[in-house]
Amino acid sequence: YCAADRDRSATSLYGSSSQVDYWGQGT
């Protein structure tokens, strides 16, 4: 799954999906 996060630093994404704002449908 692709994910996008408004925290542009990417630190919120590192190791966690809790801060993901948008998800793709998956491949």
PDB file of all heavy atoms in Angstrom:
ATOM      1  N   TYR A   1       0.828  -1.198   0.000  1.00  0.00           N
ATOM      2  CA  TYR A   1       0.000   0.000   0.000  1.00  0.00           C
ATOM      3  C   TYR A   1       0.869   1.256   0.000  1.00  0.00           C
ATOM      4  O   TYR A   1       1.832   1.352   0.762  1.00  0.00           O
ATOM      5  CB  TYR A   1      -0.894   0.025   1.237  1.00  0.00           C
ATOM      6  CG  TYR A   1      -1.899  -1.086   1.311  1.00  0.00           C
ATOM      7  CD1 TYR A   1      -1.604  -2.280   1.952  1.00  0.00           C
ATOM      8  CD2 TYR A   1      -3.161  -0.942   0.727  1.00  0.00           C
ATOM      9  CE1 TYR A   1      -2.528  -3.309   2.018  1.00  0.00           C
ATOM     10  CE2 TYR A   1      -4.093  -1.963   0.801  1.00  0.00           C
ATOM     11  CZ  TYR A   1      -3.761  -3.148   1.438  1.00  0.00           C
ATOM     12  OH  TYR A   1      -4.693  -4.158   1.503  1.00  0.00           O
ATOM     13  N   CYS A   2       0.471   2.196  -0.816  1.00  0.00           N
ATOM     14  CA  CYS A   2       1.079   3.516  -0.824  1.00  0.00           C
ATOM     15  C   CYS A   2       0.352   4.383   0.208  1.00  0.00           C
ATOM     16  O   CYS A   2      -0.872   4.246   0.391  1.00  0.00           O
ATOM     17  CB  CYS A   2       0.937   4.098  -2.228  1.00  0.00           C
ATOM     18  SG  CYS A   2       1.567   5.752  -2.443  1.00  0.00           S
ATOM     19  N   ALA A   3       1.093   5.277   0.855  1.00  0.00           N
ATOM     20  CA  ALA A   3       0.513   6.129   1.888  1.00  0.00           C
ATOM     21  C   ALA A   3       1.053   7.539   1.775  1.00  0.00           C
ATOM     22  O   ALA A   3       2.207   7.736   1.387  1.00  0.00           O
ATOM     23  CB  ALA A   3       0.829   5.564   3.274  1.00  0.00           C
ATOM     24  N   ALA A   4       0.215   8.514   2.145  1.00  0.00           N
ATOM     25  CA  ALA A   4       0.614   9.924   2.151  1.00  0.00           C
ATOM     26  C   ALA A   4       0.337  10.516   3.525  1.00  0.00           C
ATOM     27  O   ALA A   4      -0.676  10.202   4.159  1.00  0.00           O
ATOM     28  CB  ALA A   4      -0.136  10.698   1.082  1.00  0.00           C
ATOM     29  N   ASP A   5       1.239  11.380   3.959  1.00  0.00           N
ATOM     30  CA  ASP A   5       1.141  11.972   5.295  1.00  0.00           C
ATOM     31  C   ASP A   5       1.438  13.457   5.197  1.00  0.00           C
ATOM     32  O   ASP A   5       2.415  13.861   4.563  1.00  0.00           O
ATOM     33  CB  ASP A   5       2.134  11.288   6.229  1.00  0.00           C
ATOM     34  CG  ASP A   5       2.086  11.822   7.644  1.00  0.00           C
ATOM     35  OD1 ASP A   5       1.121  12.519   7.991  1.00  0.00           O
ATOM     36  OD2 ASP A   5       3.016  11.517   8.413  1.00  0.00           O
ATOM     37  N   ARG A   6       0.630  14.282   5.855  1.00  0.00           N
ATOM     38  CA  ARG A   6       0.839  15.728   5.825  1.00  0.00           C
ATOM     39  C   ARG A   6       2.115  16.162   6.542  1.00  0.00           C
ATOM     40  O   ARG A   6       2.602  17.275   6.314  1.00  0.00           O
ATOM     41  CB  ARG A   6      -0.364  16.433   6.443  1.00  0.00           C
ATOM     42  CG  ARG A   6      -1.641  16.327   5.631  1.00  0.00           C
ATOM     43  CD  ARG A   6      -2.715  17.212   6.228  1.00  0.00           C
ATOM     44  NE  ARG A   6      -4.009  17.019   5.590  1.00  0.00           N
ATOM     45  CZ  ARG A   6      -4.927  16.162   6.024  1.00  0.00           C
ATOM     46  NH1 ARG A   6      -4.698  15.438   7.095  1.00  0.00           N
ATOM     47  NH2 ARG A   6      -6.080  16.041   5.390  1.00  0.00           N
ATOM     48  N   ASP A   7       2.625  15.314   7.431  1.00  0.00           N
ATOM     49  CA  ASP A   7       3.914  15.602   8.063  1.00  0.00           C
ATOM     50  C   ASP A   7       4.992  15.366   7.015  1.00  0.00           C
ATOM     51  O   ASP A   7       5.395  14.227   6.775  1.00  0.00           O
ATOM     52  CB  ASP A   7       4.130  14.698   9.279  1.00  0.00           C
ATOM     53  CG  ASP A   7       5.499  14.896   9.912  1.00  0.00           C
ATOM     54  OD1 ASP A   7       6.286  15.741   9.422  1.00  0.00           O
ATOM     55  OD2 ASP A   7       5.793  14.197  10.895  1.00  0.00           O
ATOM     56  N   ARG A   8       5.472  16.434   6.428  1.00  0.00           N
ATOM     57  CA  ARG A   8       6.349  16.324   5.278  1.00  0.00           C
ATOM     58  C   ARG A   8       7.709  15.718   5.609  1.00  0.00           C
ATOM     59  O   ARG A   8       8.445  15.309   4.714  1.00  0.00           O
ATOM     60  CB  ARG A   8       6.537  17.690   4.634  1.00  0.00           C
ATOM     61  CG  ARG A   8       5.226  18.294   4.135  1.00  0.00           C
ATOM     62  CD  ARG A   8       5.413  19.755   3.762  1.00  0.00           C
ATOM     63  NE  ARG A   8       6.061  19.892   2.475  1.00  0.00           N
ATOM     64  CZ  ARG A   8       6.539  21.052   2.020  1.00  0.00           C
ATOM     65  NH1 ARG A   8       6.465  22.136   2.768  1.00  0.00           N
ATOM     66  NH2 ARG A   8       7.094  21.117   0.828  1.00  0.00           N
ATOM     67  N   SER A   9       8.045  15.655   6.901  1.00  0.00           N
ATOM     68  CA  SER A   9       9.359  15.129   7.291  1.00  0.00           C
ATOM     69  C   SER A   9       9.450  13.617   7.136  1.00  0.00           C
ATOM     70  O   SER A   9      10.543  13.074   7.087  1.00  0.00           O
ATOM     71  CB  SER A   9       9.646  15.493   8.746  1.00  0.00           C
ATOM     72  OG  SER A   9       8.828  14.727   9.616  1.00  0.00           O
ATOM     73  N   ALA A  10       8.311  12.927   7.113  1.00  0.00           N
ATOM     74  CA  ALA A  10       8.228  11.463   7.027  1.00  0.00           C
ATOM     75  C   ALA A  10       8.491  10.778   8.360  1.00  0.00           C
ATOM     76  O   ALA A  10       8.372   9.557   8.452  1.00  0.00           O
ATOM     77  CB  ALA A  10       9.136  10.864   5.962  1.00  0.00           C
ATOM     78  N   THR A  11       8.828  11.512   9.404  1.00  0.00           N
ATOM     79  CA  THR A  11       9.106  10.872  10.687  1.00  0.00           C
ATOM     80  C   THR A  11       7.847  10.228  11.267  1.00  0.00           C
ATOM     81  O   THR A  11       7.939   9.223  11.987  1.00  0.00           O
ATOM     82  CB  THR A  11       9.697  11.870  11.687  1.00  0.00           C
ATOM     83  OG1 THR A  11       8.808  12.996  11.795  1.00  0.00           O
ATOM     84  CG2 THR A  11      11.056  12.362  11.220  1.00  0.00           C
ATOM     85  N   SER A  12       6.675  10.773  10.977  1.00  0.00           N
ATOM     86  CA  SER A  12       5.443  10.176  11.496  1.00  0.00           C
ATOM     87  C   SER A  12       5.121   8.851  10.828  1.00  0.00           C
ATOM     88  O   SER A  12       4.431   8.014  11.399  1.00  0.00           O
ATOM     89  CB  SER A  12       4.268  11.135  11.303  1.00  0.00           C
ATOM     90  OG  SER A  12       4.446  12.313  12.054  1.00  0.00           O
ATOM     91  N   LEU A  13       5.589   8.671   9.604  1.00  0.00           N
ATOM     92  CA  LEU A  13       5.340   7.420   8.892  1.00  0.00           C
ATOM     93  C   LEU A  13       6.282   6.318   9.333  1.00  0.00           C
ATOM     94  O   LEU A  13       5.939   5.133   9.249  1.00  0.00           O
ATOM     95  CB  LEU A  13       5.509   7.622   7.385  1.00  0.00           C
ATOM     96  CG  LEU A  13       4.415   8.394   6.656  1.00  0.00           C
ATOM     97  CD1 LEU A  13       4.817   8.599   5.206  1.00  0.00           C
ATOM     98  CD2 LEU A  13       3.089   7.672   6.740  1.00  0.00           C
ATOM     99  N   TYR A  14       7.457   6.701   9.802  1.00  0.00           N
ATOM    100  CA  TYR A  14       8.495   5.730  10.111  1.00  0.00           C
ATOM    101  C   TYR A  14       8.032   4.765  11.193  1.00  0.00           C
ATOM    102  O   TYR A  14       7.858   5.138  12.350  1.00  0.00           O
ATOM    103  CB  TYR A  14       9.764   6.451  10.541  1.00  0.00           C
ATOM    104  CG  TYR A  14      10.946   5.565  10.853  1.00  0.00           C
ATOM    105  CD1 TYR A  14      11.141   4.369  10.190  1.00  0.00           C
ATOM    106  CD2 TYR A  14      11.875   5.927  11.816  1.00  0.00           C
ATOM    107  CE1 TYR A  14      12.235   3.561  10.469  1.00  0.00           C
ATOM    108  CE2 TYR A  14      12.967   5.140  12.099  1.00  0.00           C
ATOM    109  CZ  TYR A  14      13.143   3.951  11.422  1.00  0.00           C
ATOM    110  OH  TYR A  14      14.229   3.171  11.709  1.00  0.00           O
ATOM    111  N   GLY A  15       7.787   3.516  10.765  1.00  0.00           N
ATOM    112  CA  GLY A  15       7.437   2.472  11.703  1.00  0.00           C
ATOM    113  C   GLY A  15       5.988   2.439  12.141  1.00  0.00           C
ATOM    114  O   GLY A  15       5.597   1.570  12.919  1.00  0.00           O
ATOM    115  N   SER A  16       5.142   3.338  11.634  1.00  0.00           N
ATOM    116  CA  SER A  16       3.766   3.398  12.109  1.00  0.00           C
ATOM    117  C   SER A  16       2.810   3.830  11.022  1.00  0.00           C
ATOM    118  O   SER A  16       3.124   4.703  10.228  1.00  0.00           O
ATOM    119  CB  SER A  16       3.667   4.376  13.278  1.00  0.00           C
ATOM    120  OG  SER A  16       2.314   4.562  13.659  1.00  0.00           O
ATOM    121  N   SER A  17       1.625   3.203  11.025  1.00  0.00           N
ATOM    122  CA  SER A  17       0.592   3.597  10.068  1.00  0.00           C
ATOM    123  C   SER A  17      -0.451   4.524  10.702  1.00  0.00           C
ATOM    124  O   SER A  17      -1.392   4.932  10.041  1.00  0.00           O
ATOM    125  CB  SER A  17      -0.113   2.358   9.523  1.00  0.00           C
ATOM    126  OG  SER A  17      -0.760   1.657  10.574  1.00  0.00           O
ATOM    127  N   SER A  18      -0.279   4.861  11.971  1.00  0.00           N
ATOM    128  CA  SER A  18      -1.314   5.605  12.687  1.00  0.00           C
ATOM    129  C   SER A  18      -1.489   7.029  12.195  1.00  0.00           C
ATOM    130  O   SER A  18      -2.537   7.625  12.400  1.00  0.00           O
ATOM    131  CB  SER A  18      -1.009   5.614  14.190  1.00  0.00           C
ATOM    132  OG  SER A  18       0.206   6.310  14.440  1.00  0.00           O
ATOM    133  N   GLN A  19      -0.455   7.599  11.565  1.00  0.00           N
ATOM    134  CA  GLN A  19      -0.519   8.987  11.119  1.00  0.00           C
ATOM    135  C   GLN A  19      -0.794   9.133   9.633  1.00  0.00           C
ATOM    136  O   GLN A  19      -0.760  10.237   9.119  1.00  0.00           O
ATOM    137  CB  GLN A  19       0.798   9.700  11.463  1.00  0.00           C
ATOM    138  CG  GLN A  19       1.114   9.734  12.940  1.00  0.00           C
ATOM    139  CD  GLN A  19       0.039  10.448  13.738  1.00  0.00           C
ATOM    140  OE1 GLN A  19      -0.426  11.513  13.354  1.00  0.00           O
ATOM    141  NE2 GLN A  19      -0.368   9.840  14.831  1.00  0.00           N
ATOM    142  N   VAL A  20      -1.045   8.020   8.959  1.00  0.00           N
ATOM    143  CA  VAL A  20      -1.304   8.086   7.517  1.00  0.00           C
ATOM    144  C   VAL A  20      -2.598   8.835   7.264  1.00  0.00           C
ATOM    145  O   VAL A  20      -3.636   8.540   7.864  1.00  0.00           O
ATOM    146  CB  VAL A  20      -1.380   6.673   6.911  1.00  0.00           C
ATOM    147  CG1 VAL A  20      -1.846   6.746   5.468  1.00  0.00           C
ATOM    148  CG2 VAL A  20      -0.022   5.993   7.008  1.00  0.00           C
ATOM    149  N   ASP A  21      -2.531   9.793   6.343  1.00  0.00           N
ATOM    150  CA  ASP A  21      -3.722  10.563   5.993  1.00  0.00           C
ATOM    151  C   ASP A  21      -4.471   9.969   4.810  1.00  0.00           C
ATOM    152  O   ASP A  21      -5.699  10.061   4.747  1.00  0.00           O
ATOM    153  CB  ASP A  21      -3.323  12.004   5.669  1.00  0.00           C
ATOM    154  CG  ASP A  21      -2.835  12.752   6.902  1.00  0.00           C
ATOM    155  OD1 ASP A  21      -3.615  12.832   7.871  1.00  0.00           O
ATOM    156  OD2 ASP A  21      -1.697  13.249   6.905  1.00  0.00           O
ATOM    157  N   TYR A  22      -3.734   9.388   3.879  1.00  0.00           N
ATOM    158  CA  TYR A  22      -4.364   8.808   2.685  1.00  0.00           C
ATOM    159  C   TYR A  22      -3.693   7.481   2.335  1.00  0.00           C
ATOM    160  O   TYR A  22      -2.473   7.353   2.446  1.00  0.00           O
ATOM    161  CB  TYR A  22      -4.247   9.766   1.494  1.00  0.00           C
ATOM    162  CG  TYR A  22      -4.888  11.107   1.727  1.00  0.00           C
ATOM    163  CD1 TYR A  22      -4.126  12.201   2.098  1.00  0.00           C
ATOM    164  CD2 TYR A  22      -6.271  11.263   1.603  1.00  0.00           C
ATOM    165  CE1 TYR A  22      -4.710  13.432   2.325  1.00  0.00           C
ATOM    166  CE2 TYR A  22      -6.861  12.492   1.831  1.00  0.00           C
ATOM    167  CZ  TYR A  22      -6.082  13.563   2.194  1.00  0.00           C
ATOM    168  OH  TYR A  22      -6.666  14.779   2.433  1.00  0.00           O
ATOM    169  N   TRP A  23      -4.536   6.546   1.859  1.00  0.00           N
ATOM    170  CA  TRP A  23      -4.064   5.221   1.445  1.00  0.00           C
ATOM    171  C   TRP A  23      -4.431   4.974  -0.011  1.00  0.00           C
ATOM    172  O   TRP A  23      -5.474   5.424  -0.483  1.00  0.00           O
ATOM    173  CB  TRP A  23      -4.721   4.120   2.271  1.00  0.00           C
ATOM    174  CG  TRP A  23      -4.289   4.027   3.703  1.00  0.00           C
ATOM    175  CD1 TRP A  23      -4.978   4.477   4.794  1.00  0.00           C
ATOM    176  CD2 TRP A  23      -3.099   3.420   4.209  1.00  0.00           C
ATOM    177  NE1 TRP A  23      -4.285   4.186   5.948  1.00  0.00           N
ATOM    178  CE2 TRP A  23      -3.123   3.536   5.610  1.00  0.00           C
ATOM    179  CE3 TRP A  23      -2.014   2.776   3.618  1.00  0.00           C
ATOM    180  CZ2 TRP A  23      -2.109   3.043   6.430  1.00  0.00           C
ATOM    181  CZ3 TRP A  23      -1.000   2.293   4.433  1.00  0.00           C
ATOM    182  CH2 TRP A  23      -1.057   2.435   5.819  1.00  0.00           C
ATOM    183  N   GLY A  24      -3.577   4.215  -0.682  1.00  0.00           N
ATOM    184  CA  GLY A  24      -3.949   3.677  -1.977  1.00  0.00           C
ATOM    185  C   GLY A  24      -4.732   2.396  -1.797  1.00  0.00           C
ATOM    186  O   GLY A  24      -4.964   1.929  -0.672  1.00  0.00           O
ATOM    187  N   GLN A  25      -5.113   1.785  -2.910  1.00  0.00           N
ATOM    188  CA  GLN A  25      -5.954   0.588  -2.856  1.00  0.00           C
ATOM    189  C   GLN A  25      -5.138  -0.690  -2.691  1.00  0.00           C
ATOM    190  O   GLN A  25      -5.694  -1.733  -2.369  1.00  0.00           O
ATOM    191  CB  GLN A  25      -6.825   0.485  -4.119  1.00  0.00           C
ATOM    192  CG  GLN A  25      -6.142  -0.136  -5.340  1.00  0.00           C
ATOM    193  CD  GLN A  25      -5.100   0.751  -5.982  1.00  0.00           C
ATOM    194  OE1 GLN A  25      -4.941   1.929  -5.645  1.00  0.00           O
ATOM    195  NE2 GLN A  25      -4.356   0.192  -6.931  1.00  0.00           N
ATOM    196  N   GLY A  26      -3.839  -0.601  -2.926  1.00  0.00           N
ATOM    197  CA  GLY A  26      -2.953  -1.747  -2.757  1.00  0.00           C
ATOM    198  C   GLY A  26      -2.660  -2.461  -4.065  1.00  0.00           C
ATOM    199  O   GLY A  26      -3.461  -2.454  -4.996  1.00  0.00           O
ATOM    200  N   THR A  27      -1.486  -3.083  -4.110  1.00  0.00           N
ATOM    201  CA  THR A  27      -1.093  -3.893  -5.261  1.00  0.00           C
ATOM    202  C   THR A  27      -0.418  -5.160  -4.740  1.00  0.00           C
ATOM    203  O   THR A  27       0.394  -5.116  -3.818  1.00  0.00           O
ATOM    204  CB  THR A  27      -0.166  -3.111  -6.205  1.00  0.00           C
ATOM    205  OG1 THR A  27       0.100  -3.893  -7.381  1.00  0.00           O
ATOM    206  CG2 THR A  27       1.154  -2.734  -5.560  1.00  0.00           C
TER     207      THR A  27
END
